[in-house]
Amino acid sequence: MAKRIWLIRHGKSARPFGVLDHDRPLAPRAGEDAGPIRDWLGDGPELFVPSTARRAVDTARLIAGDCPLRPRAELYVASPSEFLDVIEEELVAGDRAAFIGHNPAITTLVNHLAGSALTVNVPTLGVAEFVREEMSWTLANYVTPKALR
């Protein structure tokens, strides 16, 4: 059975004075961007795995619908290889999962997995969908909130 992942950068965040980076909330624009992304994802992911940072968990809550959330602390400061380790761990139990993380890891990982098919700086709430039939990931879709407006 093919495995499918969605790599998502968290929604636009606010930068209130005195708030630690891990605790930063989403900015109002994240709520505006979330609806089109949620609709585009549809019933695709069966699990959402955000970093434990507030903005990533809140992004997951905005776009996951009724899907379960399983926050992972490792995704907050993950290198691309650490991010891939989390993906492999989470896909043991299922075939379709969305992962919500931060730059630079998301952009680096998306560009690495996509190879020559895509070179981007993933914007907030940007989504790259990949499919793995055998051992390698293939880019299936790439979408941004701006493209869905």
N, C-alpha and C. Protein backbone atom coordinates (compact mmCIF):
# COMPACT_ATOMS: atom_id res chain seq x y z
N MET A 1 0.84 -1.19 0.00
CA MET A 1 0.00 0.00 0.00
C MET A 1 0.88 1.25 0.00
N ALA A 2 0.52 2.21 -0.80
CA ALA A 2 1.27 3.46 -0.87
C ALA A 2 1.11 4.27 0.41
N LYS A 3 2.16 4.93 0.80
CA LYS A 3 2.13 5.85 1.94
C LYS A 3 2.01 7.26 1.37
N ARG A 4 1.30 8.12 2.10
CA ARG A 4 1.09 9.50 1.65
C ARG A 4 1.32 10.43 2.83
N ILE A 5 2.11 11.48 2.60
CA ILE A 5 2.36 12.48 3.64
C ILE A 5 2.09 13.88 3.10
N TRP A 6 1.74 14.76 4.01
CA TRP A 6 1.59 16.17 3.71
C TRP A 6 2.53 16.90 4.65
N LEU A 7 3.47 17.65 4.10
CA LEU A 7 4.39 18.46 4.89
C LEU A 7 3.87 19.88 4.87
N ILE A 8 3.56 20.41 6.04
CA ILE A 8 2.88 21.70 6.15
C ILE A 8 3.69 22.61 7.06
N ARG A 9 3.89 23.83 6.61
CA ARG A 9 4.48 24.83 7.49
C ARG A 9 3.34 25.44 8.31
N HIS A 10 3.58 25.68 9.57
CA HIS A 10 2.55 26.26 10.45
C HIS A 10 2.01 27.56 9.88
N GLY A 11 0.84 27.98 10.35
CA GLY A 11 0.23 29.23 9.91
C GLY A 11 1.02 30.44 10.37
N LYS A 12 0.70 31.57 9.76
CA LYS A 12 1.37 32.84 10.10
C LYS A 12 1.24 33.09 11.60
N SER A 13 2.37 33.38 12.23
CA SER A 13 2.35 33.58 13.68
C SER A 13 2.58 35.03 14.05
N ALA A 14 2.10 35.36 15.24
CA ALA A 14 2.31 36.69 15.81
C ALA A 14 3.63 36.66 16.58
N ARG A 15 4.13 37.85 16.88
CA ARG A 15 5.38 37.96 17.64
C ARG A 15 5.18 38.91 18.82
N PRO A 16 4.31 38.53 19.76
CA PRO A 16 4.09 39.43 20.89
C PRO A 16 5.34 39.57 21.76
N PHE A 17 5.54 40.77 22.25
CA PHE A 17 6.70 41.06 23.09
C PHE A 17 6.66 40.19 24.35
N GLY A 18 7.80 39.62 24.70
CA GLY A 18 7.92 38.87 25.93
C GLY A 18 7.43 37.43 25.88
N VAL A 19 6.95 36.98 24.71
CA VAL A 19 6.46 35.61 24.59
C VAL A 19 7.58 34.75 24.00
N LEU A 20 7.85 33.63 24.64
CA LEU A 20 8.87 32.71 24.14
C LEU A 20 8.49 32.18 22.76
N ASP A 21 9.48 31.88 21.95
CA ASP A 21 9.22 31.40 20.59
C ASP A 21 8.28 30.20 20.57
N HIS A 22 8.48 29.25 21.46
CA HIS A 22 7.65 28.04 21.51
C HIS A 22 6.18 28.37 21.78
N ASP A 23 5.93 29.50 22.45
CA ASP A 23 4.57 29.86 22.87
C ASP A 23 3.89 30.89 21.98
N ARG A 24 4.52 31.25 20.87
CA ARG A 24 3.94 32.28 20.00
C ARG A 24 2.60 31.82 19.42
N PRO A 25 1.60 32.71 19.45
CA PRO A 25 0.28 32.36 18.90
C PRO A 25 0.23 32.61 17.40
N LEU A 26 -0.85 32.17 16.82
CA LEU A 26 -1.08 32.45 15.40
C LEU A 26 -1.56 33.89 15.23
N ALA A 27 -1.24 34.46 14.10
CA ALA A 27 -1.75 35.78 13.71
C ALA A 27 -3.13 35.58 13.07
N PRO A 28 -3.94 36.63 12.99
CA PRO A 28 -5.27 36.50 12.37
C PRO A 28 -5.23 35.92 10.96
N ARG A 29 -4.19 36.23 10.20
CA ARG A 29 -4.12 35.72 8.82
C ARG A 29 -4.12 34.20 8.77
N ALA A 30 -3.60 33.54 9.79
CA ALA A 30 -3.59 32.07 9.81
C ALA A 30 -5.00 31.52 9.75
N GLY A 31 -5.92 32.17 10.44
CA GLY A 31 -7.31 31.73 10.40
C GLY A 31 -7.91 31.89 9.02
N GLU A 32 -7.55 32.97 8.34
CA GLU A 32 -8.05 33.21 6.98
C GLU A 32 -7.47 32.19 6.00
N ASP A 33 -6.21 31.84 6.17
CA ASP A 33 -5.55 30.89 5.26
C ASP A 33 -5.97 29.45 5.52
N ALA A 34 -6.39 29.15 6.74
CA ALA A 34 -6.66 27.76 7.12
C ALA A 34 -7.84 27.15 6.39
N GLY A 35 -8.90 27.91 6.17
CA GLY A 35 -10.10 27.36 5.53
C GLY A 35 -9.83 26.75 4.16
N PRO A 36 -9.22 27.49 3.25
CA PRO A 36 -8.92 26.91 1.94
C PRO A 36 -7.99 25.70 2.01
N ILE A 37 -7.03 25.73 2.92
CA ILE A 37 -6.12 24.58 3.05
C ILE A 37 -6.88 23.38 3.61
N ARG A 38 -7.72 23.60 4.61
CA ARG A 38 -8.53 22.51 5.17
C ARG A 38 -9.40 21.88 4.08
N ASP A 39 -10.03 22.73 3.26
CA ASP A 39 -10.88 22.22 2.18
C ASP A 39 -10.05 21.44 1.16
N TRP A 40 -8.87 21.95 0.83
CA TRP A 40 -8.02 21.28 -0.15
C TRP A 40 -7.56 19.91 0.36
N LEU A 41 -7.23 19.82 1.64
CA LEU A 41 -6.80 18.55 2.22
C LEU A 41 -7.93 17.53 2.24
N GLY A 42 -9.15 18.00 2.44
CA GLY A 42 -10.31 17.12 2.46
C GLY A 42 -10.14 15.99 3.46
N ASP A 43 -10.43 14.78 3.01
CA ASP A 43 -10.32 13.60 3.87
C ASP A 43 -8.98 12.89 3.71
N GLY A 44 -7.99 13.60 3.18
CA GLY A 44 -6.70 12.96 2.91
C GLY A 44 -6.00 12.41 4.14
N PRO A 45 -5.50 13.28 5.03
CA PRO A 45 -4.77 12.77 6.19
C PRO A 45 -5.69 12.06 7.18
N GLU A 46 -5.15 10.99 7.78
CA GLU A 46 -5.89 10.30 8.85
C GLU A 46 -5.31 10.64 10.22
N LEU A 47 -4.22 11.41 10.22
CA LEU A 47 -3.55 11.83 11.45
C LEU A 47 -2.79 13.12 11.16
N PHE A 48 -2.79 14.03 12.14
CA PHE A 48 -2.00 15.25 12.06
C PHE A 48 -0.95 15.22 13.16
N VAL A 49 0.29 15.45 12.77
CA VAL A 49 1.43 15.40 13.70
C VAL A 49 2.12 16.76 13.67
N PRO A 50 1.71 17.67 14.58
CA PRO A 50 2.38 18.97 14.64
C PRO A 50 3.54 18.94 15.63
N SER A 51 4.42 19.93 15.50
CA SER A 51 5.40 20.14 16.56
C SER A 51 4.61 20.58 17.79
N THR A 52 5.26 20.59 18.94
CA THR A 52 4.56 21.00 20.16
C THR A 52 4.49 22.51 20.33
N ALA A 53 5.08 23.27 19.43
CA ALA A 53 4.97 24.73 19.50
C ALA A 53 3.51 25.14 19.34
N ARG A 54 3.10 26.14 20.10
CA ARG A 54 1.70 26.56 20.09
C ARG A 54 1.19 26.84 18.68
N ARG A 55 1.98 27.54 17.86
CA ARG A 55 1.51 27.90 16.52
C ARG A 55 1.31 26.68 15.64
N ALA A 56 2.09 25.63 15.84
CA ALA A 56 1.92 24.40 15.05
C ALA A 56 0.69 23.62 15.51
N VAL A 57 0.51 23.49 16.82
CA VAL A 57 -0.66 22.79 17.35
C VAL A 57 -1.94 23.54 16.97
N ASP A 58 -1.92 24.86 17.09
CA ASP A 58 -3.11 25.65 16.73
C ASP A 58 -3.40 25.55 15.23
N THR A 59 -2.36 25.48 14.40
CA THR A 59 -2.56 25.27 12.97
C THR A 59 -3.25 23.93 12.74
N ALA A 60 -2.77 22.90 13.40
CA ALA A 60 -3.39 21.57 13.26
C ALA A 60 -4.86 21.62 13.66
N ARG A 61 -5.17 22.30 14.73
CA ARG A 61 -6.57 22.40 15.17
C ARG A 61 -7.44 23.09 14.13
N LEU A 62 -6.86 24.05 13.41
CA LEU A 62 -7.63 24.77 12.39
C LEU A 62 -7.89 23.94 11.14
N ILE A 63 -7.00 23.02 10.81
CA ILE A 63 -7.14 22.32 9.52
C ILE A 63 -7.44 20.83 9.63
N ALA A 64 -7.37 20.26 10.82
CA ALA A 64 -7.49 18.81 10.96
C ALA A 64 -8.91 18.29 10.97
N GLY A 65 -9.89 19.15 11.19
CA GLY A 65 -11.25 18.65 11.30
C GLY A 65 -11.35 17.67 12.46
N ASP A 66 -11.88 16.48 12.18
CA ASP A 66 -12.05 15.46 13.22
C ASP A 66 -10.87 14.50 13.35
N CYS A 67 -9.82 14.74 12.58
CA CYS A 67 -8.66 13.84 12.65
C CYS A 67 -7.94 13.99 13.99
N PRO A 68 -7.36 12.91 14.47
CA PRO A 68 -6.59 13.00 15.71
C PRO A 68 -5.29 13.78 15.51
N LEU A 69 -4.85 14.41 16.60
CA LEU A 69 -3.58 15.13 16.63
C LEU A 69 -2.63 14.37 17.54
N ARG A 70 -1.37 14.28 17.11
CA ARG A 70 -0.34 13.67 17.95
C ARG A 70 0.89 14.57 17.91
N PRO A 71 0.92 15.63 18.76
CA PRO A 71 2.07 16.53 18.77
C PRO A 71 3.37 15.79 19.13
N ARG A 72 4.45 16.19 18.45
CA ARG A 72 5.77 15.60 18.68
C ARG A 72 6.78 16.71 18.94
N ALA A 73 7.38 16.66 20.11
CA ALA A 73 8.37 17.68 20.51
C ALA A 73 9.55 17.73 19.55
N GLU A 74 9.91 16.58 18.98
CA GLU A 74 11.07 16.52 18.09
C GLU A 74 10.94 17.43 16.88
N LEU A 75 9.72 17.70 16.46
CA LEU A 75 9.52 18.50 15.24
C LEU A 75 9.76 19.99 15.45
N TYR A 76 9.86 20.43 16.69
CA TYR A 76 10.06 21.86 16.95
C TYR A 76 11.42 22.33 16.44
N VAL A 77 12.45 21.57 16.65
CA VAL A 77 13.80 21.96 16.20
C VAL A 77 14.44 20.86 15.35
N ALA A 78 13.63 20.10 14.66
CA ALA A 78 14.13 18.94 13.91
C ALA A 78 14.96 19.34 12.70
N SER A 79 16.02 18.59 12.51
CA SER A 79 16.74 18.66 11.24
C SER A 79 15.91 17.86 10.23
N PRO A 80 16.17 18.02 8.94
CA PRO A 80 15.42 17.21 7.97
C PRO A 80 15.52 15.71 8.22
N SER A 81 16.69 15.21 8.62
CA SER A 81 16.81 13.77 8.86
C SER A 81 16.02 13.35 10.10
N GLU A 82 16.01 14.19 11.13
CA GLU A 82 15.20 13.89 12.32
C GLU A 82 13.71 13.94 11.97
N PHE A 83 13.33 14.87 11.12
CA PHE A 83 11.95 14.97 10.67
C PHE A 83 11.55 13.68 9.94
N LEU A 84 12.42 13.19 9.08
CA LEU A 84 12.15 11.93 8.37
C LEU A 84 12.02 10.76 9.33
N ASP A 85 12.80 10.75 10.40
CA ASP A 85 12.68 9.69 11.40
C ASP A 85 11.29 9.70 12.04
N VAL A 86 10.79 10.89 12.37
CA VAL A 86 9.45 11.00 12.94
C VAL A 86 8.40 10.52 11.93
N ILE A 87 8.56 10.90 10.68
CA ILE A 87 7.63 10.46 9.64
C ILE A 87 7.58 8.93 9.59
N GLU A 88 8.74 8.30 9.56
CA GLU A 88 8.78 6.84 9.50
C GLU A 88 8.13 6.20 10.72
N GLU A 89 8.37 6.77 11.90
CA GLU A 89 7.75 6.24 13.12
C GLU A 89 6.23 6.34 13.06
N GLU A 90 5.73 7.47 12.60
CA GLU A 90 4.28 7.68 12.57
C GLU A 90 3.60 6.85 11.48
N LEU A 91 4.30 6.55 10.41
CA LEU A 91 3.69 5.77 9.33
C LEU A 91 3.68 4.27 9.59
N VAL A 92 4.24 3.83 10.70
CA VAL A 92 4.17 2.41 11.05
C VAL A 92 2.71 2.01 11.27
N ALA A 93 1.93 2.89 11.89
CA ALA A 93 0.55 2.57 12.24
C ALA A 93 -0.48 2.99 11.20
N GLY A 94 -0.09 3.79 10.22
CA GLY A 94 -1.05 4.27 9.23
C GLY A 94 -0.38 4.60 7.91
N ASP A 95 -1.21 4.98 6.94
CA ASP A 95 -0.70 5.24 5.60
C ASP A 95 -0.74 6.70 5.17
N ARG A 96 -1.48 7.56 5.92
CA ARG A 96 -1.69 8.94 5.47
C ARG A 96 -1.60 9.89 6.67
N ALA A 97 -0.54 10.68 6.72
CA ALA A 97 -0.36 11.59 7.85
C ALA A 97 0.14 12.94 7.37
N ALA A 98 -0.30 13.98 8.07
CA ALA A 98 0.14 15.35 7.82
C ALA A 98 1.07 15.77 8.96
N PHE A 99 2.17 16.40 8.60
CA PHE A 99 3.17 16.83 9.58
C PHE A 99 3.30 18.34 9.50
N ILE A 100 3.18 18.99 10.65
CA ILE A 100 3.22 20.46 10.70
C ILE A 100 4.46 20.88 11.46
N GLY A 101 5.33 21.61 10.76
CA GLY A 101 6.59 22.01 11.36
C GLY A 101 6.98 23.43 11.00
N HIS A 102 8.26 23.69 11.08
CA HIS A 102 8.82 25.03 11.01
C HIS A 102 9.93 25.10 9.98
N ASN A 103 10.18 26.31 9.51
CA ASN A 103 11.37 26.54 8.69
C ASN A 103 12.57 26.68 9.60
N PRO A 104 13.73 26.29 9.15
CA PRO A 104 14.07 25.89 7.79
C PRO A 104 13.82 24.41 7.48
N ALA A 105 13.47 23.61 8.49
CA ALA A 105 13.35 22.16 8.26
C ALA A 105 12.31 21.80 7.20
N ILE A 106 11.14 22.45 7.24
CA ILE A 106 10.09 22.11 6.27
C ILE A 106 10.56 22.39 4.85
N THR A 107 11.07 23.59 4.61
CA THR A 107 11.52 23.94 3.26
C THR A 107 12.66 23.02 2.80
N THR A 108 13.61 22.78 3.67
CA THR A 108 14.74 21.91 3.31
C THR A 108 14.26 20.50 2.98
N LEU A 109 13.36 19.97 3.79
CA LEU A 109 12.86 18.62 3.57
C LEU A 109 12.01 18.53 2.30
N VAL A 110 11.14 19.51 2.09
CA VAL A 110 10.32 19.52 0.87
C VAL A 110 11.21 19.54 -0.37
N ASN A 111 12.19 20.41 -0.40
CA ASN A 111 13.07 20.50 -1.56
C ASN A 111 13.90 19.23 -1.74
N HIS A 112 14.33 18.64 -0.64
CA HIS A 112 15.10 17.39 -0.72
C HIS A 112 14.25 16.26 -1.30
N LEU A 113 13.04 16.07 -0.76
CA LEU A 113 12.19 14.98 -1.23
C LEU A 113 11.71 15.20 -2.66
N ALA A 114 11.46 16.46 -3.02
CA ALA A 114 10.95 16.76 -4.36
C ALA A 114 12.03 16.66 -5.43
N GLY A 115 13.28 16.78 -5.03
CA GLY A 115 14.36 16.74 -6.02
C GLY A 115 14.21 17.86 -7.02
N SER A 116 14.37 17.56 -8.29
CA SER A 116 14.29 18.59 -9.32
C SER A 116 12.85 19.00 -9.65
N ALA A 117 11.86 18.32 -9.06
CA ALA A 117 10.46 18.64 -9.35
C ALA A 117 10.01 19.96 -8.72
N LEU A 118 10.75 20.44 -7.71
CA LEU A 118 10.30 21.63 -7.00
C LEU A 118 11.46 22.23 -6.22
N THR A 119 11.58 23.55 -6.29
CA THR A 119 12.51 24.28 -5.45
C THR A 119 11.77 25.51 -4.95
N VAL A 120 11.43 25.52 -3.67
CA VAL A 120 10.63 26.61 -3.11
C VAL A 120 11.10 26.95 -1.70
N ASN A 121 10.66 28.12 -1.24
CA ASN A 121 10.69 28.46 0.17
C ASN A 121 9.24 28.33 0.63
N VAL A 122 8.92 27.29 1.35
CA VAL A 122 7.53 27.00 1.72
C VAL A 122 7.00 28.14 2.59
N PRO A 123 5.91 28.81 2.16
CA PRO A 123 5.34 29.89 2.96
C PRO A 123 4.48 29.32 4.09
N THR A 124 4.05 30.18 4.98
CA THR A 124 3.17 29.72 6.05
C THR A 124 1.92 29.09 5.46
N LEU A 125 1.55 27.97 6.00
CA LEU A 125 0.45 27.11 5.57
C LEU A 125 0.62 26.57 4.15
N GLY A 126 1.84 26.60 3.64
CA GLY A 126 2.13 25.90 2.39
C GLY A 126 2.14 24.40 2.64
N VAL A 127 1.69 23.64 1.64
CA VAL A 127 1.57 22.18 1.79
C VAL A 127 2.22 21.48 0.60
N ALA A 128 3.08 20.53 0.91
CA ALA A 128 3.64 19.65 -0.12
C ALA A 128 3.17 18.23 0.19
N GLU A 129 2.54 17.61 -0.79
CA GLU A 129 2.03 16.25 -0.64
C GLU A 129 2.96 15.29 -1.39
N PHE A 130 3.36 14.23 -0.71
CA PHE A 130 4.25 13.23 -1.30
C PHE A 130 3.64 11.84 -1.18
N VAL A 131 3.95 10.99 -2.16
CA VAL A 131 3.50 9.60 -2.16
C VAL A 131 4.73 8.70 -2.25
N ARG A 132 4.69 7.61 -1.50
CA ARG A 132 5.78 6.63 -1.56
C ARG A 132 5.19 5.26 -1.91
N GLU A 133 5.52 4.80 -3.10
CA GLU A 133 5.07 3.48 -3.54
C GLU A 133 6.06 2.41 -3.10
N GLU A 134 7.31 2.67 -3.23
CA GLU A 134 8.37 1.72 -2.86
C GLU A 134 9.24 2.37 -1.78
N MET A 135 10.44 2.74 -2.15
CA MET A 135 11.37 3.31 -1.17
C MET A 135 11.55 4.82 -1.28
N SER A 136 11.09 5.44 -2.36
CA SER A 136 11.34 6.87 -2.52
C SER A 136 10.03 7.65 -2.57
N TRP A 137 10.13 8.89 -2.12
CA TRP A 137 8.98 9.79 -2.11
C TRP A 137 8.90 10.53 -3.43
N THR A 138 7.67 10.73 -3.92
CA THR A 138 7.42 11.47 -5.16
C THR A 138 6.45 12.60 -4.85
N LEU A 139 6.77 13.80 -5.32
CA LEU A 139 5.89 14.94 -5.13
C LEU A 139 4.59 14.72 -5.89
N ALA A 140 3.47 14.80 -5.20
CA ALA A 140 2.15 14.64 -5.82
C ALA A 140 1.47 15.99 -6.02
N ASN A 141 1.60 16.89 -5.05
CA ASN A 141 0.96 18.21 -5.12
C ASN A 141 1.74 19.19 -4.27
N TYR A 142 1.63 20.45 -4.65
CA TYR A 142 2.17 21.54 -3.83
C TYR A 142 1.17 22.68 -3.92
N VAL A 143 0.75 23.19 -2.77
CA VAL A 143 -0.25 24.25 -2.77
C VAL A 143 0.05 25.24 -1.66
N THR A 144 -0.33 26.49 -1.90
CA THR A 144 -0.19 27.55 -0.91
C THR A 144 -1.54 28.22 -0.73
N PRO A 145 -1.76 28.88 0.40
CA PRO A 145 -3.03 29.60 0.57
C PRO A 145 -3.25 30.64 -0.54
N LYS A 146 -2.18 31.31 -0.95
CA LYS A 146 -2.30 32.32 -2.01
C LYS A 146 -2.83 31.70 -3.31
N ALA A 147 -2.38 30.50 -3.64
CA ALA A 147 -2.83 29.84 -4.88
C ALA A 147 -4.29 29.43 -4.81
N LEU A 148 -4.83 29.29 -3.61
CA LEU A 148 -6.23 28.86 -3.46
C LEU A 148 -7.20 30.02 -3.34
N ARG A 149 -6.67 31.24 -3.30
CA ARG A 149 -7.56 32.41 -3.18
C ARG A 149 -8.21 32.73 -4.50
